[in-house]
Protein backbone atom coordinates (compact mmCIF):
# COMPACT_ATOMS: atom_id res chain seq x y z
CA MET A 1 -0.28 0.24 0.14
CA ASP A 2 3.09 2.42 1.12
CA ILE A 3 4.62 2.09 -2.88
CA ILE A 4 1.13 2.23 -4.69
CA LEU A 5 0.81 5.89 -2.39
CA ILE A 6 3.87 7.03 -2.94
CA ILE A 7 3.28 6.19 -6.66
CA ILE A 8 -0.13 8.28 -6.85
CA MET A 9 1.54 11.43 -5.31
CA SER A 10 4.49 11.12 -7.33
CA LEU A 11 1.98 11.32 -10.57
CA LEU A 12 -0.37 14.12 -8.73
CA LEU A 13 2.77 16.57 -8.42
CA ALA A 14 4.03 15.45 -11.54
CA ALA A 15 0.51 16.72 -12.94
CA PHE A 16 0.76 19.87 -11.18
CA LEU A 17 3.89 21.08 -12.46
CA PHE A 18 2.83 19.60 -15.76
CA PHE A 19 -0.78 21.42 -15.95
CA LYS A 20 1.22 24.85 -14.26
CA LEU A 21 -1.56 24.20 -11.39
CA GLY A 22 -0.77 27.00 -8.34
CA ASP A 23 2.93 27.13 -7.27
CA ILE A 24 5.20 25.22 -4.78
CA PHE A 25 2.96 26.44 -1.81
CA SER A 26 -0.33 26.10 -2.96
CA PRO A 27 -2.32 24.39 -0.67
CA TRP A 28 -2.69 20.76 -2.52
CA THR A 29 1.01 21.01 -3.04
CA ILE A 30 2.06 21.68 0.26
CA THR A 31 -0.49 18.62 1.42
CA THR A 32 0.86 16.07 -1.35
CA VAL A 33 4.34 16.76 -0.66
CA ILE A 34 4.03 16.24 3.32
CA TRP A 35 1.87 12.69 3.15
CA LEU A 36 4.73 11.91 0.18
CA ALA A 37 7.62 12.89 2.35
CA ILE A 38 6.31 10.77 5.19
CA GLU A 39 5.84 7.70 3.06
CA VAL A 40 8.88 7.59 1.34
CA MET A 41 10.68 8.20 5.04
CA PHE A 42 9.14 5.13 6.26
CA LEU A 43 10.45 3.21 3.88
CA PHE A 44 14.38 3.70 5.25
CA GLN A 45 13.39 4.29 8.89
CA GLY A 46 13.85 0.32 9.45
CA ASP A 47 12.72 -1.03 12.42
CA LEU A 48 12.64 2.23 14.77
CA LEU A 49 8.63 2.29 14.52
CA TYR A 50 5.87 -0.02 13.64
CA PRO A 51 4.65 0.29 9.79
CA LEU A 52 1.64 1.74 8.62
CA GLY A 53 -1.84 0.60 9.53
CA ASN A 54 -5.00 0.22 6.80
CA GLN A 55 -6.38 3.09 9.04
CA PHE A 56 -4.12 5.61 8.57
CA HIS A 57 -4.27 4.76 4.69
CA SER A 58 -7.69 4.33 4.20
CA CYS A 59 -7.81 8.42 5.93
CA LEU A 60 -5.44 9.65 3.67
CA ALA A 61 -6.25 7.49 0.77
CA LEU A 62 -10.09 10.22 1.65
CA TRP A 63 -8.06 13.22 2.73
CA LEU A 64 -5.84 13.37 -0.49
CA PRO A 65 -7.64 13.77 -3.35
CA ILE A 66 -10.50 15.45 -1.12
CA PHE A 67 -8.89 18.14 -0.28
CA CYS A 68 -6.64 18.79 -3.58
CA ALA A 69 -9.73 18.78 -5.34
CA SER A 70 -11.93 21.20 -3.16
CA ALA A 71 -8.88 23.65 -2.32
CA MET A 72 -8.43 23.60 -6.86
CA VAL A 73 -12.13 24.08 -7.46
CA THR A 74 -12.18 27.04 -5.01
CA TYR A 75 -8.96 28.21 -5.89
CA TYR A 76 -9.89 28.67 -9.75
CA VAL A 77 -13.31 29.07 -9.33
CA LEU A 78 -12.91 32.56 -7.00
CA PRO A 79 -12.34 35.38 -9.49
CA ARG A 80 -8.76 36.36 -10.24
CA GLY A 81 -8.22 39.56 -8.58
CA ASN A 82 -7.26 43.03 -10.92
CA THR A 83 -4.51 44.15 -9.08
CA GLY A 84 -1.47 45.42 -10.30
CA GLN A 85 0.43 44.54 -7.08
CA THR A 86 2.92 41.93 -6.41
CA LEU A 87 3.36 38.99 -4.51
CA SER A 88 6.25 40.59 -2.35
CA ASP A 89 4.60 43.44 -0.50
CA ILE A 90 1.06 44.40 0.96
CA PRO A 91 -0.57 47.78 0.67
CA ASP A 92 -0.48 50.42 2.93
CA ILE A 93 -1.81 49.13 6.28
CA ASN A 94 -3.80 50.49 9.53
CA GLN A 95 -0.20 52.22 10.73
CA ALA A 96 -1.65 53.62 13.86
CA LEU A 97 -3.34 50.97 14.83
CA PHE A 98 -0.18 48.17 13.90
CA ASN A 99 1.64 50.64 16.46
CA LEU A 100 -0.59 50.31 19.05
CA PHE A 101 -0.98 46.83 18.59
CA TYR A 102 3.25 46.79 19.10
CA VAL A 103 3.66 48.59 22.22
CA ILE A 104 0.22 46.32 23.97
CA SER A 105 2.70 43.28 22.61
CA MET A 106 5.66 45.25 23.95
CA VAL A 107 4.11 45.75 27.51
CA ILE A 108 1.78 42.24 27.71
CA THR A 109 4.21 40.21 26.65
CA PRO A 110 6.83 40.58 29.52
CA LEU A 111 3.79 41.09 32.01
CA TYR A 112 3.23 37.48 31.03
CA LEU A 113 6.52 35.83 31.44
CA TYR A 114 6.84 37.44 34.43
CA LYS A 115 3.46 35.81 35.86
CA ILE A 116 4.41 32.49 35.02
CA MET A 117 8.16 32.76 35.80
CA GLN A 118 6.48 33.81 39.84
CA VAL A 119 4.42 30.78 39.42
CA VAL A 120 7.63 28.28 38.43
CA MET A 121 9.84 30.14 40.47
CA MET A 122 8.30 28.66 43.56
CA PHE A 123 8.85 25.18 42.86
CA ASP A 124 12.67 23.43 41.87
CA SER A 125 14.64 26.05 39.62
CA SER A 126 16.74 23.19 39.17
CA ASP A 127 13.87 21.45 36.98
CA MET A 128 12.31 24.99 35.62
CA LEU A 129 11.57 24.45 31.69
CA ASN A 130 9.86 21.32 33.08
CA ASN A 131 7.67 23.24 35.36
CA ILE A 132 7.04 26.05 32.54
CA ARG A 133 5.47 23.24 30.35
CA MET A 134 3.77 21.08 33.42
CA LEU A 135 1.97 25.01 34.02
CA ALA A 136 1.13 25.15 30.99
CA VAL A 137 -0.34 22.05 30.18
CA TYR A 138 -1.92 21.68 33.56
CA GLY A 139 -2.17 24.42 35.38
CA ASP A 140 -5.85 26.73 35.51
CA GLU A 141 -4.11 30.49 35.80
CA ASN A 142 -6.09 32.56 34.37
CA TYR A 143 -4.32 36.10 33.06
CA GLY A 144 -6.69 38.10 31.48
CA PHE A 145 -5.78 40.07 29.07
CA LEU A 146 -1.99 39.29 28.96
CA ASN A 147 -3.06 36.04 27.20
CA TYR A 148 -4.00 38.28 24.25
CA SER A 149 0.38 38.29 23.70
CA TYR A 150 0.38 35.05 21.76
CA VAL A 151 -2.11 36.10 18.73
CA LEU A 152 -0.97 39.51 18.93
CA ASN A 153 3.17 38.72 18.33
CA GLN A 154 1.54 36.01 15.60
CA VAL A 155 -0.26 38.83 13.90
CA LEU A 156 2.26 41.50 14.51
CA LEU A 157 4.97 39.17 13.22
CA VAL A 158 3.20 37.90 9.88
CA VAL A 159 2.67 42.14 9.04
CA GLY A 160 5.59 43.20 9.80
CA LEU A 161 7.29 40.02 7.98
CA TRP A 162 5.22 41.35 4.05
CA ARG A 163 5.82 45.26 5.34
CA TYR A 164 9.53 45.26 5.49
CA PRO A 165 11.36 47.10 5.24
CA LYS A 166 8.25 49.86 5.43
CA VAL A 167 8.39 47.83 9.30
CA PRO A 168 11.63 48.97 10.29
CA LEU A 169 14.66 46.29 11.20
CA TRP A 170 14.64 46.80 14.77
CA GLN A 171 11.03 47.02 15.38
CA LEU A 172 10.73 43.84 13.28
CA ILE A 173 13.56 42.45 15.80
CA THR A 174 11.70 42.87 18.64
CA ILE A 175 8.50 41.44 17.39
CA ILE A 176 10.60 38.55 17.11
CA ILE A 177 11.73 38.55 20.27
CA ALA A 178 8.59 39.26 21.80
CA SER A 179 7.46 35.73 19.97
CA LEU A 180 10.34 33.69 21.12
CA MET A 181 9.18 34.84 24.60
CA SER A 182 5.72 33.83 23.92
CA ALA A 183 7.11 30.20 22.78
CA PHE A 184 9.03 30.17 25.99
CA ALA A 185 6.27 30.91 28.27
CA ILE A 186 4.23 27.66 27.75
CA MET A 187 7.45 25.97 26.53
CA GLU A 188 5.81 25.50 23.25
CA LYS A 189 7.13 24.44 19.53
CA GLY A 190 4.02 25.77 18.02
CA MET A 191 5.16 29.78 18.06
CA LEU A 192 8.32 28.24 17.06
CA PHE A 193 7.22 26.57 14.40
CA PHE A 194 4.60 29.11 13.02
CA LEU A 195 8.03 32.05 13.40
CA PHE A 196 9.77 29.76 11.16
CA ALA A 197 7.41 29.04 8.52
CA GLY A 198 6.27 32.67 8.48
CA VAL A 199 10.15 34.13 7.75
CA LEU A 200 10.82 31.22 5.17
CA PHE A 201 7.52 31.77 3.12
CA VAL A 202 7.39 35.38 3.09
CA LEU A 203 11.02 35.27 2.19
CA TYR A 204 10.53 33.18 -0.62
CA GLU A 205 7.77 35.03 -1.86
CA LYS A 206 9.91 38.62 -1.63
CA ARG A 207 12.18 36.72 -3.98
CA VAL A 208 15.23 36.50 -0.99
CA ILE A 209 15.90 33.28 -0.68
CA LYS A 210 15.27 29.98 -2.32
CA MET A 211 13.77 26.45 -1.72
CA ARG A 212 17.48 24.90 -1.09
CA SER A 213 17.45 27.59 1.76
CA ILE A 214 14.21 26.36 3.03
CA LEU A 215 15.35 22.74 3.15
CA ILE A 216 18.64 23.74 4.74
CA SER A 217 16.48 26.04 7.46
CA SER A 218 14.21 22.74 8.49
CA ALA A 219 16.86 21.11 8.68
CA VAL A 220 18.47 23.68 11.06
CA LEU A 221 15.16 23.59 12.67
CA ILE A 222 14.64 19.87 13.48
CA LEU A 223 17.91 20.33 15.42
CA VAL A 224 17.00 22.96 16.80
CA PHE A 225 13.57 21.44 17.93
CA PHE A 226 15.81 18.23 19.26
CA LEU A 227 18.08 20.97 21.70
CA PHE A 228 14.54 22.44 22.68
CA THR A 229 13.04 19.39 23.71
CA THR A 230 15.76 17.95 25.74
CA ALA A 231 16.29 20.84 26.89
CA ARG A 232 13.20 20.96 29.05
CA SER A 233 14.67 17.99 31.31
CA TYR A 234 11.11 15.60 31.90
CA ARG A 235 11.43 13.40 34.68
CA GLU A 236 11.04 9.96 33.80
CA ASP A 237 7.57 10.19 35.95
CA ALA A 238 6.77 12.74 33.79
CA ASP A 239 7.41 12.25 30.96
CA PRO A 240 8.73 9.16 28.57
CA ASN A 241 10.81 11.18 26.57
CA GLU A 242 13.74 11.33 28.39
CA ASP A 243 17.23 11.01 27.62
CA LEU A 244 16.42 10.78 23.57
CA THR A 245 18.57 9.76 21.15
CA PHE A 246 18.35 12.54 17.86
CA LEU A 247 16.95 9.56 16.00
CA ASP A 248 14.47 9.12 18.38
CA PHE A 249 12.95 12.21 18.83
CA PHE A 250 13.02 12.42 14.68
CA ALA A 251 11.01 9.31 14.91
CA ILE A 252 8.62 10.46 17.52
CA TYR A 253 8.26 13.81 15.98
CA VAL A 254 8.06 13.66 12.31
CA LEU A 255 6.90 10.18 12.16
CA SER A 256 5.34 8.41 15.18
CA PRO A 257 1.76 10.31 14.65
CA ALA A 258 1.08 8.20 11.40
CA VAL A 259 1.39 4.71 13.15
CA ALA A 260 -0.32 6.02 16.63
CA PHE A 261 -3.42 7.26 14.64
CA GLU A 262 -3.54 3.19 14.64
CA TYR A 263 -4.71 3.29 17.79
CA VAL A 264 -7.39 5.87 17.61
CA GLU A 265 -10.80 4.97 17.77
CA GLU A 266 -14.44 6.19 17.43
CA ASP A 267 -15.59 8.23 20.58
CA LEU A 268 -19.20 7.13 21.47
CA THR A 269 -20.29 9.91 22.77
CA PRO A 270 -23.91 11.34 22.39
CA GLN A 271 -22.54 15.07 22.42
CA LEU A 272 -21.58 15.95 18.71
CA GLY A 273 -18.19 16.18 17.84
CA SER A 274 -16.80 16.55 21.10
CA HIS A 275 -13.56 16.13 19.93
CA THR A 276 -13.95 18.37 16.69
CA PHE A 277 -15.33 20.79 18.98
CA GLN A 278 -13.97 21.00 22.12
CA THR A 279 -12.41 24.30 22.18
CA ILE A 280 -15.88 25.38 21.02
CA TYR A 281 -17.61 23.58 24.22
CA MET A 282 -14.70 24.87 26.52
CA PHE A 283 -15.73 28.22 25.22
CA LEU A 284 -18.95 27.89 25.77
CA ASN A 285 -18.54 26.43 29.52
CA ARG A 286 -17.79 29.92 30.26
CA PHE A 287 -20.97 31.06 30.09
CA GLY A 288 -22.87 28.28 32.12
CA GLY A 289 -22.89 26.00 29.30
CA ASP A 290 -22.77 22.23 30.72
CA TYR A 291 -20.55 20.18 28.47
CA GLU A 292 -17.75 17.79 28.60
CA VAL A 293 -14.39 19.04 27.58
CA ASN A 294 -11.26 16.76 27.17
CA ALA A 295 -8.43 16.99 28.26
CA LYS A 296 -5.48 19.46 26.26
CA ILE A 297 -2.98 16.32 26.24
CA GLN A 298 -3.41 13.13 24.72
CA GLU A 299 -2.85 10.04 26.37
CA PHE A 300 0.52 8.24 25.40
CA VAL A 301 0.97 5.21 22.61
CA TRP A 302 3.44 2.96 22.32
CA VAL A 303 4.73 2.55 18.97
CA PRO A 304 6.54 1.19 20.24
CA LEU A 305 8.43 4.80 21.04
CA PRO A 306 5.86 6.95 23.12
CA THR A 307 3.76 9.32 21.25
CA ASN A 308 0.40 11.65 22.03
CA VAL A 309 -0.03 13.73 18.10
CA TYR A 310 -2.14 11.48 15.99
CA THR A 311 -2.02 13.53 12.75
CA VAL A 312 -4.80 16.07 11.42
CA PHE A 313 -7.46 12.95 10.87
CA GLN A 314 -7.46 11.94 14.89
CA PRO A 315 -10.37 14.46 15.83
CA PHE A 316 -12.40 13.93 12.81
CA PHE A 317 -12.04 9.92 12.99
CA GLU A 318 -13.07 10.40 16.70
CA ASP A 319 -16.23 12.12 16.16
CA PHE A 320 -17.42 10.70 12.64
CA LYS A 321 -15.02 8.43 11.43
CA TYR A 322 -14.10 7.67 7.66
CA LYS A 323 -17.22 10.16 6.40
CA GLY A 324 -15.72 13.09 9.27
CA VAL A 325 -12.39 12.57 7.74
CA ALA A 326 -14.09 13.41 3.91
CA LEU A 327 -15.95 16.13 5.58
CA PHE A 328 -13.76 17.54 6.89
CA ALA A 329 -11.05 17.22 3.75
CA MET A 330 -13.55 18.96 1.88
CA PHE A 331 -13.55 22.17 4.81
CA TYR A 332 -9.91 21.93 4.60
CA GLY A 333 -9.88 22.36 1.27
CA VAL A 334 -12.24 25.08 0.84
CA PHE A 335 -10.43 27.26 3.88
CA SER A 336 -7.11 26.22 1.97
CA GLY A 337 -8.12 27.64 -1.27
CA LEU A 338 -9.85 30.99 -0.48
CA ALA A 339 -7.04 31.92 1.90
CA TYR A 340 -5.26 31.70 -1.48
CA ARG A 341 -7.08 33.21 -4.13
CA MET A 342 -7.70 35.90 -1.95
CA ALA A 343 -3.45 35.74 -1.26
CA ARG A 344 -2.85 35.67 -5.07
CA ASN A 345 -5.39 38.43 -5.97
CA GLY A 346 -2.74 40.67 -3.58
CA ASN A 347 -5.51 40.96 -0.41
CA SER A 348 -3.69 41.94 2.57
CA VAL A 349 -5.76 39.80 4.76
CA GLY A 350 -5.48 37.09 2.71
CA LYS A 351 -1.80 37.00 2.33
CA CYS A 352 -1.36 37.39 6.00
CA LEU A 353 -3.96 34.40 6.33
CA TYR A 354 -2.37 32.11 4.34
CA VAL A 355 0.64 32.39 5.95
CA TYR A 356 -1.97 30.77 8.72
CA VAL A 357 -2.52 28.56 6.43
CA VAL A 358 0.90 27.33 5.08
CA TYR A 359 1.59 26.53 9.18
CA VAL A 360 -1.37 24.27 9.58
CA LEU A 361 -0.83 22.56 6.37
CA ALA A 362 2.45 22.34 7.00
CA LEU A 363 2.04 20.17 10.40
CA GLN A 364 -1.20 18.33 8.63
CA PHE A 365 1.71 15.00 10.24
CA PHE A 366 1.60 16.07 13.15
CA GLN A 367 -1.71 17.44 14.64
CA GLU A 368 -5.00 19.41 14.10
CA ASN A 369 -4.69 23.07 14.31
CA VAL A 370 -8.18 24.79 12.79
CA MET A 371 -10.74 22.94 14.60
CA MET A 372 -9.36 22.10 18.00
CA SER A 373 -7.34 25.78 17.75
CA ILE A 374 -10.44 27.51 16.44
CA VAL A 375 -10.42 30.28 18.88
CA ASN A 376 -6.78 31.17 17.93
CA VAL A 377 -7.69 31.25 14.08
CA ILE A 378 -10.55 33.55 14.85
CA GLN A 379 -8.81 35.91 16.35
CA PHE A 380 -5.69 35.91 14.08
CA THR A 381 -8.29 36.64 11.32
CA PHE A 382 -10.28 39.69 13.31
CA PHE A 383 -6.58 41.43 14.29
CA THR A 384 -5.42 41.00 11.04
CA THR A 385 -8.08 42.43 9.46
CA LEU A 386 -8.63 45.38 12.02
CA VAL A 387 -4.40 45.97 11.21
CA CYS A 388 -4.89 45.66 7.26
CA GLN A 389 -8.07 47.62 6.20
CA GLN A 390 -8.11 51.61 5.68
CA ARG A 391 -11.73 50.43 5.12
CA ILE A 392 -13.58 47.43 5.40
CA GLY A 393 -16.34 46.60 1.66
CA LEU A 394 -17.67 44.02 0.26
CA GLY A 395 -14.68 43.04 -2.25
CA PHE A 396 -12.30 42.86 0.24
CA PHE A 397 -12.65 39.01 0.49
CA ILE A 398 -11.67 37.67 -2.90
CA GLY A 399 -9.64 41.24 -4.37
CA ALA A 400 -7.44 43.82 -3.16
CA ASP A 401 -7.95 46.93 -1.59
CA ARG A 402 -9.85 49.30 -3.64
CA SER A 403 -7.54 52.57 -3.04
CA HIS A 404 -5.01 50.87 -5.34
CA THR A 405 -4.92 51.25 -9.23
CA PRO A 406 -6.34 48.55 -10.45
CA GLN A 407 -3.89 45.82 -13.18
CA ALA A 408 -4.39 42.92 -14.26
CA PRO A 409 -1.74 40.35 -13.13
CA PRO A 410 -0.18 38.18 -14.67
CA GLU A 411 -0.80 34.56 -15.73
CA SER A 412 2.00 33.09 -14.94
CA SER A 413 2.00 34.47 -11.74
CA ASP A 414 -0.06 30.77 -11.22
CA ALA A 415 2.65 28.58 -12.20
CA ILE A 416 4.81 26.28 -10.33
CA THR A 417 8.32 27.77 -9.15
CA THR A 418 10.94 25.58 -10.55
CA LEU A 419 13.49 24.23 -7.83
C-alpha cells in the first residue's frame, strides 16, 4: 500500500507541474509533498517504529483527493483579482493600529512571562523548564488580557514580515523577540514553528531566498527542536521522552503520529463532535454551559516509541469516523483554497492569513490546528483584518484593496516555481 500511495502522489505532483496548477506553496502541493515525504521516510526508517496501518492508509486515501480537489475548485472558481501589486508586498495598512498593537505587545508579553515565572520559581528551579511546560498544560491560572500576547505577536510578526522594510528592522527584531518570549512562556514549539514558517514563506515570496535555503533551514530547525525538547529535562515519572537520541526524537515527532493514528478509535459519546469542537465547548462552559471538555494532552501510546499526537485525522475520526475525515478534508480544502485565492489576488488579509494556512498544512502530519485551535484562528483573522484594512467593503474577501489602481496580473503568477 505504501508503494502504491507513493506512486499516486508522485504522479499528482507531476500533474501539478505539467499543467501549472498553482505553485510550490499552493495548498494541494504542500499537502501532497508532506504526505509523500512521510511515506518515503517510512521506507527507510527501519525498525524504529511499527509499520503504517490500514486505518491510516484509508484516511489518507480519503483526505488527499478530497482536499486537493476542493482546494483547486475553490481557487479556480473564485474570480481573479485585478490588482497590479506584486506578491512580495501588501498595500498600506492601518499604521496607527499596528503601532498600538505593537506597544501593547511590548508591554503584556514581558508581563505574561513574568507572571508565569513567578509561579514557576516557587518550585524547584533546577527543573524550571519542565515546570513551565507543566504549568502551561495542567495549570488553571487565568492571566486575563495578558493571554492575548500570543496571538498579537503572531499578527504583528506576519504583518511586519510582509511590510518590511516599511516596518523598520529594529521593530521587526523586537517582534521576533516577543514571539520567542511567547514560545518560552509555555515551552511550546508551535510558536517557534509558526515563526519559522512565516519567515521562510514570506522571504521566499519576496524572492530573498530559494527552495534550497528552506530545505537547509528545515534541517537546522529540526536540530533546534531536538535541543529545545531535551532542554526541558522532563523527569522519568513525568514524561517518557527522557534521554532521547536524535533518531528517536525524529521518529517520535515526525513519523510516529501516522503510526499512532492506528490506535485512534471512534468515541461513542452523545455530545456532537466532542473532540472536533472541544474548544467551542470549553468556551461555552465559561458562559454557563455544561459540556464535556476533553483533556488538553492526549494519552501516550507506544509504537514502540512513545507519542501522544495522532495527525490531522484524529479528532474527525474520533467523532465521525471516515465520513468525518472526508467532510473535513473538504472543509480544509475550501478554507485553504479561499485563503490562497485571496493571497494571490493581492489581498492584504489573505496574504497574512495564508501564512497561517501554510503553517497549518505543514503540520498536518503532526496534529490538527484549525478546529482544535479555532479561537486562535478567529482572533488571528480578526486582528489581522483590523490592522490591514483602511476600510472594509464587500470586495475585501476576494480582491485587493480598492484604493490601489487596478491592473491585471500576469497569468504566469500561478505557475509552479522551478526548484
